[in-house]
Amino acid sequence: METLGPIGVGFMVFLDNIFPPIPSELVLPLAGFTSSQGQMNIAAAIVFATIGSVVGAVLLWAVGKWIGIERIARIAVKMPLVDVDDVHKTVDWFDRHGDKAVFFGRMIPIFRSLISIPAGMRDMRLAKFLLLTTAGSTIWNTILIVAGFALGENWSVVETYAGYFQNLVIVAVVVFVIVWIVLKVRKQRRKKAAGLDTTEDDHIEPGQFDS
């Protein structure tokens, strides 16, 4: 950031989208602090951070579009405990809540990067994806940069509390996965006890998940 200024901020945020170990929770408050020292324009930092966010998100959207929902569905149904119905439920959920997921997902650690992939898989219109991603990213970037600007030399406080938020998200995901596994195992056991076939049809028809 010292060398490239706002462009460096944008580049680091772009990397955060495709390589999460470079956290925006560290980069953005530091950019705000740098702005408070008069070494960077805060508006430019927000603009370039948002550009970096959007470019990274579009790259992952393109990856999701290239993979396609049918290809990932064929892989999913071959995994333990997953069946075709699970894939349909997930697709239906995204079809109903995809707009909100993309917008709010830009403000949630981990999901910030991942949400772009299912958006591409479901072939969300690029114009809509760009609008939602830009709006969500602008809000998130502005909050962290302005917080770093306001706190000055105490900018690292933002990273600390953002880290708590990220840990909370990770715990929530782990709990959700554990509960899902327990429920699926119980469901299969009940089927076996009732003498029902637990094998699901894993054949995916072409165009089965078309909108």
C-alpha atoms as a PDB file:
ATOM      1  CA  MET A   1       0.000   0.000   0.000  1.00  0.00           C
ATOM      2  CA  GLU A   2       2.918   2.360   0.641  1.00  0.00           C
ATOM      3  CA  THR A   3       4.212   1.717  -2.868  1.00  0.00           C
ATOM      4  CA  LEU A   4       0.978   1.560  -4.869  1.00  0.00           C
ATOM      5  CA  GLY A   5      -1.429   3.524  -2.671  1.00  0.00           C
ATOM      6  CA  PRO A   6      -5.163   2.883  -3.330  1.00  0.00           C
ATOM      7  CA  ILE A   7      -4.272   0.561  -6.232  1.00  0.00           C
ATOM      8  CA  GLY A   8      -2.366  -1.584  -3.738  1.00  0.00           C
ATOM      9  CA  VAL A   9      -5.448  -1.695  -1.506  1.00  0.00           C
ATOM     10  CA  GLY A  10      -7.567  -2.856  -4.435  1.00  0.00           C
ATOM     11  CA  PHE A  11      -5.027  -5.517  -5.372  1.00  0.00           C
ATOM     12  CA  MET A  12      -4.873  -6.879  -1.803  1.00  0.00           C
ATOM     13  CA  VAL A  13      -8.667  -7.016  -1.586  1.00  0.00           C
ATOM     14  CA  PHE A  14      -8.778  -8.783  -4.950  1.00  0.00           C
ATOM     15  CA  LEU A  15      -6.391 -11.404  -3.563  1.00  0.00           C
ATOM     16  CA  ASP A  16      -8.599 -11.728  -0.457  1.00  0.00           C
ATOM     17  CA  ASN A  17     -11.463 -12.831  -2.709  1.00  0.00           C
ATOM     18  CA  ILE A  18      -9.533 -15.646  -4.349  1.00  0.00           C
ATOM     19  CA  PHE A  19      -7.040 -16.400  -1.572  1.00  0.00           C
ATOM     20  CA  PRO A  20      -8.825 -15.876   1.808  1.00  0.00           C
ATOM     21  CA  PRO A  21      -5.661 -16.162   4.000  1.00  0.00           C
ATOM     22  CA  ILE A  22      -5.070 -12.517   2.987  1.00  0.00           C
ATOM     23  CA  PRO A  23      -7.898 -11.050   5.129  1.00  0.00           C
ATOM     24  CA  SER A  24      -9.609  -7.808   4.215  1.00  0.00           C
ATOM     25  CA  GLU A  25     -10.222  -7.401   7.955  1.00  0.00           C
ATOM     26  CA  LEU A  26      -6.508  -6.593   8.173  1.00  0.00           C
ATOM     27  CA  VAL A  27      -6.010  -4.737   4.893  1.00  0.00           C
ATOM     28  CA  LEU A  28      -8.976  -2.345   5.050  1.00  0.00           C
ATOM     29  CA  PRO A  29      -8.543  -0.898   8.568  1.00  0.00           C
ATOM     30  CA  LEU A  30      -4.835  -0.460   7.805  1.00  0.00           C
ATOM     31  CA  ALA A  31      -5.810   1.448   4.661  1.00  0.00           C
ATOM     32  CA  GLY A  32      -8.036   3.644   6.819  1.00  0.00           C
ATOM     33  CA  PHE A  33      -5.173   4.315   9.219  1.00  0.00           C
ATOM     34  CA  THR A  34      -2.878   5.143   6.302  1.00  0.00           C
ATOM     35  CA  SER A  35      -5.514   7.611   5.075  1.00  0.00           C
ATOM     36  CA  SER A  36      -5.711   9.211   8.517  1.00  0.00           C
ATOM     37  CA  GLN A  37      -1.974   9.889   8.282  1.00  0.00           C
ATOM     38  CA  GLY A  38      -2.494  11.793   5.045  1.00  0.00           C
ATOM     39  CA  GLN A  39      -0.669   9.171   2.962  1.00  0.00           C
ATOM     40  CA  MET A  40      -3.747   8.069   1.035  1.00  0.00           C
ATOM     41  CA  ASN A  41      -7.104   9.522   0.011  1.00  0.00           C
ATOM     42  CA  ILE A  42      -9.826   7.687   1.928  1.00  0.00           C
ATOM     43  CA  ALA A  43     -12.389   7.957  -0.895  1.00  0.00           C
ATOM     44  CA  ALA A  44      -9.873   6.501  -3.361  1.00  0.00           C
ATOM     45  CA  ALA A  45      -9.121   3.671  -0.920  1.00  0.00           C
ATOM     46  CA  ILE A  46     -12.827   2.779  -0.722  1.00  0.00           C
ATOM     47  CA  VAL A  47     -13.270   2.959  -4.500  1.00  0.00           C
ATOM     48  CA  PHE A  48     -10.268   0.784  -5.330  1.00  0.00           C
ATOM     49  CA  ALA A  49     -11.077  -1.684  -2.527  1.00  0.00           C
ATOM     50  CA  THR A  50     -14.542  -2.089  -4.018  1.00  0.00           C
ATOM     51  CA  ILE A  51     -13.112  -2.521  -7.512  1.00  0.00           C
ATOM     52  CA  GLY A  52     -10.819  -5.242  -6.181  1.00  0.00           C
ATOM     53  CA  SER A  53     -13.761  -6.937  -4.471  1.00  0.00           C
ATOM     54  CA  VAL A  54     -15.905  -6.873  -7.600  1.00  0.00           C
ATOM     55  CA  VAL A  55     -13.160  -8.098  -9.955  1.00  0.00           C
ATOM     56  CA  GLY A  56     -12.374 -11.021  -7.641  1.00  0.00           C
ATOM     57  CA  ALA A  57     -16.063 -11.840  -7.279  1.00  0.00           C
ATOM     58  CA  VAL A  58     -16.635 -11.797 -11.051  1.00  0.00           C
ATOM     59  CA  LEU A  59     -13.710 -14.180 -11.512  1.00  0.00           C
ATOM     60  CA  LEU A  60     -15.298 -16.652  -9.085  1.00  0.00           C
ATOM     61  CA  TRP A  61     -18.720 -16.106 -10.710  1.00  0.00           C
ATOM     62  CA  ALA A  62     -17.147 -17.109 -14.030  1.00  0.00           C
ATOM     63  CA  VAL A  63     -15.632 -20.209 -12.412  1.00  0.00           C
ATOM     64  CA  GLY A  64     -19.056 -21.174 -11.064  1.00  0.00           C
ATOM     65  CA  LYS A  65     -20.665 -20.612 -14.467  1.00  0.00           C
ATOM     66  CA  TRP A  66     -17.997 -22.775 -16.115  1.00  0.00           C
ATOM     67  CA  ILE A  67     -18.485 -25.601 -13.594  1.00  0.00           C
ATOM     68  CA  GLY A  68     -22.275 -25.496 -13.885  1.00  0.00           C
ATOM     69  CA  ILE A  69     -24.876 -26.776 -11.443  1.00  0.00           C
ATOM     70  CA  GLU A  70     -25.371 -30.107 -13.216  1.00  0.00           C
ATOM     71  CA  ARG A  71     -21.694 -31.007 -13.034  1.00  0.00           C
ATOM     72  CA  ILE A  72     -21.478 -30.230  -9.316  1.00  0.00           C
ATOM     73  CA  ALA A  73     -24.777 -32.040  -8.709  1.00  0.00           C
ATOM     74  CA  ARG A  74     -23.387 -35.240 -10.250  1.00  0.00           C
ATOM     75  CA  ILE A  75     -20.456 -35.028  -7.857  1.00  0.00           C
ATOM     76  CA  ALA A  76     -22.616 -34.150  -4.849  1.00  0.00           C
ATOM     77  CA  VAL A  77     -24.993 -37.095  -5.137  1.00  0.00           C
ATOM     78  CA  LYS A  78     -22.050 -39.510  -5.033  1.00  0.00           C
ATOM     79  CA  MET A  79     -20.967 -38.151  -1.643  1.00  0.00           C
ATOM     80  CA  PRO A  80     -21.984 -39.941   1.580  1.00  0.00           C
ATOM     81  CA  LEU A  81     -25.361 -38.856   3.024  1.00  0.00           C
ATOM     82  CA  VAL A  82     -26.128 -36.570   0.048  1.00  0.00           C
ATOM     83  CA  ASP A  83     -28.978 -37.365  -2.339  1.00  0.00           C
ATOM     84  CA  VAL A  84     -30.676 -35.710  -5.279  1.00  0.00           C
ATOM     85  CA  ASP A  85     -33.329 -34.196  -3.024  1.00  0.00           C
ATOM     86  CA  ASP A  86     -30.629 -32.338  -1.068  1.00  0.00           C
ATOM     87  CA  VAL A  87     -29.321 -30.820  -4.285  1.00  0.00           C
ATOM     88  CA  HIS A  88     -32.835 -29.762  -5.331  1.00  0.00           C
ATOM     89  CA  LYS A  89     -33.460 -28.146  -1.926  1.00  0.00           C
ATOM     90  CA  THR A  90     -30.177 -26.235  -2.118  1.00  0.00           C
ATOM     91  CA  VAL A  91     -30.893 -25.028  -5.646  1.00  0.00           C
ATOM     92  CA  ASP A  92     -34.449 -24.035  -4.693  1.00  0.00           C
ATOM     93  CA  TRP A  93     -33.133 -22.117  -1.670  1.00  0.00           C
ATOM     94  CA  PHE A  94     -30.682 -20.168  -3.809  1.00  0.00           C
ATOM     95  CA  ASP A  95     -33.337 -19.457  -6.418  1.00  0.00           C
ATOM     96  CA  ARG A  96     -35.520 -17.916  -3.681  1.00  0.00           C
ATOM     97  CA  HIS A  97     -32.845 -16.120  -1.666  1.00  0.00           C
ATOM     98  CA  GLY A  98     -29.932 -15.738  -4.084  1.00  0.00           C
ATOM     99  CA  ASP A  99     -30.191 -11.939  -4.338  1.00  0.00           C
ATOM    100  CA  LYS A 100     -30.041 -11.489  -0.556  1.00  0.00           C
ATOM    101  CA  ALA A 101     -27.332 -14.152  -0.258  1.00  0.00           C
ATOM    102  CA  VAL A 102     -25.051 -12.352  -2.727  1.00  0.00           C
ATOM    103  CA  PHE A 103     -25.664  -8.926  -1.169  1.00  0.00           C
ATOM    104  CA  PHE A 104     -25.298  -9.850   2.513  1.00  0.00           C
ATOM    105  CA  GLY A 105     -22.727 -12.532   1.758  1.00  0.00           C
ATOM    106  CA  ARG A 106     -20.271  -9.789   0.773  1.00  0.00           C
ATOM    107  CA  MET A 107     -20.229  -8.733   4.432  1.00  0.00           C
ATOM    108  CA  ILE A 108     -19.679 -12.172   5.958  1.00  0.00           C
ATOM    109  CA  PRO A 109     -16.206 -13.726   6.287  1.00  0.00           C
ATOM    110  CA  ILE A 110     -15.690 -16.951   4.290  1.00  0.00           C
ATOM    111  CA  PHE A 111     -19.009 -16.547   2.454  1.00  0.00           C
ATOM    112  CA  ARG A 112     -17.723 -13.284   0.971  1.00  0.00           C
ATOM    113  CA  SER A 113     -15.722 -15.257  -1.573  1.00  0.00           C
ATOM    114  CA  LEU A 114     -17.725 -18.481  -1.799  1.00  0.00           C
ATOM    115  CA  ILE A 115     -21.129 -16.924  -2.551  1.00  0.00           C
ATOM    116  CA  SER A 116     -19.960 -15.875  -6.021  1.00  0.00           C
ATOM    117  CA  ILE A 117     -19.559 -19.508  -7.133  1.00  0.00           C
ATOM    118  CA  PRO A 118     -23.196 -20.673  -6.699  1.00  0.00           C
ATOM    119  CA  ALA A 119     -24.313 -17.388  -8.262  1.00  0.00           C
ATOM    120  CA  GLY A 120     -22.344 -18.371 -11.354  1.00  0.00           C
ATOM    121  CA  MET A 121     -23.593 -21.957 -11.227  1.00  0.00           C
ATOM    122  CA  ARG A 122     -27.193 -20.752 -11.256  1.00  0.00           C
ATOM    123  CA  ASP A 123     -26.297 -18.356 -14.078  1.00  0.00           C
ATOM    124  CA  MET A 124     -27.356 -15.238 -12.176  1.00  0.00           C
ATOM    125  CA  ARG A 125     -27.401 -12.372 -14.668  1.00  0.00           C
ATOM    126  CA  LEU A 126     -24.038 -10.642 -14.624  1.00  0.00           C
ATOM    127  CA  ALA A 127     -25.627  -7.170 -14.398  1.00  0.00           C
ATOM    128  CA  LYS A 128     -27.596  -8.146 -11.285  1.00  0.00           C
ATOM    129  CA  PHE A 129     -24.588  -9.909  -9.782  1.00  0.00           C
ATOM    130  CA  LEU A 130     -22.428  -6.829 -10.344  1.00  0.00           C
ATOM    131  CA  LEU A 131     -25.036  -4.539  -8.753  1.00  0.00           C
ATOM    132  CA  LEU A 132     -25.503  -6.697  -5.641  1.00  0.00           C
ATOM    133  CA  THR A 133     -21.789  -7.392  -5.246  1.00  0.00           C
ATOM    134  CA  THR A 134     -20.833  -3.743  -5.671  1.00  0.00           C
ATOM    135  CA  ALA A 135     -23.448  -2.606  -3.140  1.00  0.00           C
ATOM    136  CA  GLY A 136     -22.510  -5.192  -0.512  1.00  0.00           C
ATOM    137  CA  SER A 137     -18.775  -4.733  -1.029  1.00  0.00           C
ATOM    138  CA  THR A 138     -19.022  -0.949  -0.827  1.00  0.00           C
ATOM    139  CA  ILE A 139     -20.789  -1.140   2.529  1.00  0.00           C
ATOM    140  CA  TRP A 140     -18.297  -3.648   3.987  1.00  0.00           C
ATOM    141  CA  ASN A 141     -15.232  -1.830   2.674  1.00  0.00           C
ATOM    142  CA  THR A 142     -16.494   1.557   3.821  1.00  0.00           C
ATOM    143  CA  ILE A 143     -17.202   0.333   7.362  1.00  0.00           C
ATOM    144  CA  LEU A 144     -13.726  -1.170   7.833  1.00  0.00           C
ATOM    145  CA  ILE A 145     -11.801   1.657   6.153  1.00  0.00           C
ATOM    146  CA  VAL A 146     -13.690   4.405   7.996  1.00  0.00           C
ATOM    147  CA  ALA A 147     -13.246   2.510  11.281  1.00  0.00           C
ATOM    148  CA  GLY A 148      -9.494   2.318  10.699  1.00  0.00           C
ATOM    149  CA  PHE A 149      -9.461   6.020   9.812  1.00  0.00           C
ATOM    150  CA  ALA A 150     -11.377   6.986  12.946  1.00  0.00           C
ATOM    151  CA  LEU A 151      -9.307   4.807  15.291  1.00  0.00           C
ATOM    152  CA  GLY A 152      -5.968   5.967  13.911  1.00  0.00           C
ATOM    153  CA  GLU A 153      -3.085   4.141  15.567  1.00  0.00           C
ATOM    154  CA  ASN A 154      -5.595   1.847  17.292  1.00  0.00           C
ATOM    155  CA  TRP A 155      -6.795   0.546  13.906  1.00  0.00           C
ATOM    156  CA  SER A 156      -5.888  -3.038  14.881  1.00  0.00           C
ATOM    157  CA  VAL A 157      -8.907  -3.051  17.217  1.00  0.00           C
ATOM    158  CA  VAL A 158     -11.059  -3.429  14.090  1.00  0.00           C
ATOM    159  CA  GLU A 159      -9.134  -6.539  13.066  1.00  0.00           C
ATOM    160  CA  THR A 160      -9.576  -8.006  16.555  1.00  0.00           C
ATOM    161  CA  TYR A 161     -13.356  -7.624  16.606  1.00  0.00           C
ATOM    162  CA  ALA A 162     -13.661  -8.706  12.962  1.00  0.00           C
ATOM    163  CA  GLY A 163     -11.725 -11.818  13.984  1.00  0.00           C
ATOM    164  CA  TYR A 164     -14.335 -12.529  16.672  1.00  0.00           C
ATOM    165  CA  PHE A 165     -17.036 -12.207  14.017  1.00  0.00           C
ATOM    166  CA  GLN A 166     -15.183 -14.591  11.716  1.00  0.00           C
ATOM    167  CA  ASN A 167     -14.765 -17.141  14.511  1.00  0.00           C
ATOM    168  CA  LEU A 168     -18.483 -16.892  15.239  1.00  0.00           C
ATOM    169  CA  VAL A 169     -19.254 -17.610  11.575  1.00  0.00           C
ATOM    170  CA  ILE A 170     -16.908 -20.620  11.582  1.00  0.00           C
ATOM    171  CA  VAL A 171     -18.527 -22.030  14.743  1.00  0.00           C
ATOM    172  CA  ALA A 172     -22.005 -21.534  13.237  1.00  0.00           C
ATOM    173  CA  VAL A 173     -20.962 -23.387  10.064  1.00  0.00           C
ATOM    174  CA  VAL A 174     -19.446 -26.278  12.055  1.00  0.00           C
ATOM    175  CA  VAL A 175     -22.576 -26.588  14.222  1.00  0.00           C
ATOM    176  CA  PHE A 176     -24.805 -26.533  11.125  1.00  0.00           C
ATOM    177  CA  VAL A 177     -22.756 -29.286   9.451  1.00  0.00           C
ATOM    178  CA  ILE A 178     -22.799 -31.467  12.580  1.00  0.00           C
ATOM    179  CA  VAL A 179     -26.564 -31.074  13.008  1.00  0.00           C
ATOM    180  CA  TRP A 180     -27.107 -31.834   9.305  1.00  0.00           C
ATOM    181  CA  ILE A 181     -25.014 -35.009   9.517  1.00  0.00           C
ATOM    182  CA  VAL A 182     -26.820 -36.201  12.661  1.00  0.00           C
ATOM    183  CA  LEU A 183     -30.234 -35.644  11.075  1.00  0.00           C
ATOM    184  CA  LYS A 184     -29.224 -37.428   7.856  1.00  0.00           C
ATOM    185  CA  VAL A 185     -27.822 -40.428   9.749  1.00  0.00           C
ATOM    186  CA  ARG A 186     -30.989 -40.692  11.828  1.00  0.00           C
ATOM    187  CA  LYS A 187     -33.116 -40.471   8.687  1.00  0.00           C
ATOM    188  CA  GLN A 188     -31.193 -43.316   7.048  1.00  0.00           C
ATOM    189  CA  ARG A 189     -31.417 -45.440  10.191  1.00  0.00           C
ATOM    190  CA  ARG A 190     -35.186 -44.958  10.333  1.00  0.00           C
ATOM    191  CA  LYS A 191     -35.452 -46.015   6.699  1.00  0.00           C
ATOM    192  CA  LYS A 192     -33.393 -49.140   7.332  1.00  0.00           C
ATOM    193  CA  ALA A 193     -35.458 -49.974  10.414  1.00  0.00           C
ATOM    194  CA  ALA A 194     -38.611 -49.667   8.295  1.00  0.00           C
ATOM    195  CA  GLY A 195     -37.108 -51.905   5.620  1.00  0.00           C
ATOM    196  CA  LEU A 196     -36.976 -49.115   3.058  1.00  0.00           C
ATOM    197  CA  ASP A 197     -34.294 -48.778   0.386  1.00  0.00           C
ATOM    198  CA  THR A 198     -31.869 -46.016   1.402  1.00  0.00           C
ATOM    199  CA  THR A 199     -30.291 -45.867  -2.065  1.00  0.00           C
ATOM    200  CA  GLU A 200     -31.326 -42.768  -3.957  1.00  0.00           C
ATOM    201  CA  ASP A 201     -31.318 -42.356  -7.709  1.00  0.00           C
ATOM    202  CA  ASP A 202     -28.132 -40.438  -8.465  1.00  0.00           C
ATOM    203  CA  HIS A 203     -28.836 -39.930 -12.148  1.00  0.00           C
ATOM    204  CA  ILE A 204     -28.924 -36.276 -13.158  1.00  0.00           C
ATOM    205  CA  GLU A 205     -30.896 -35.541 -16.305  1.00  0.00           C
ATOM    206  CA  PRO A 206     -29.564 -32.831 -18.639  1.00  0.00           C
ATOM    207  CA  GLY A 207     -31.413 -29.598 -17.972  1.00  0.00           C
ATOM    208  CA  GLN A 208     -32.835 -30.934 -14.696  1.00  0.00           C
ATOM    209  CA  PHE A 209     -31.835 -27.799 -12.806  1.00  0.00           C
ATOM    210  CA  ASP A 210     -32.749 -25.252 -15.473  1.00  0.00           C
ATOM    211  CA  SER A 211     -34.666 -22.267 -14.109  1.00  0.00           C
END
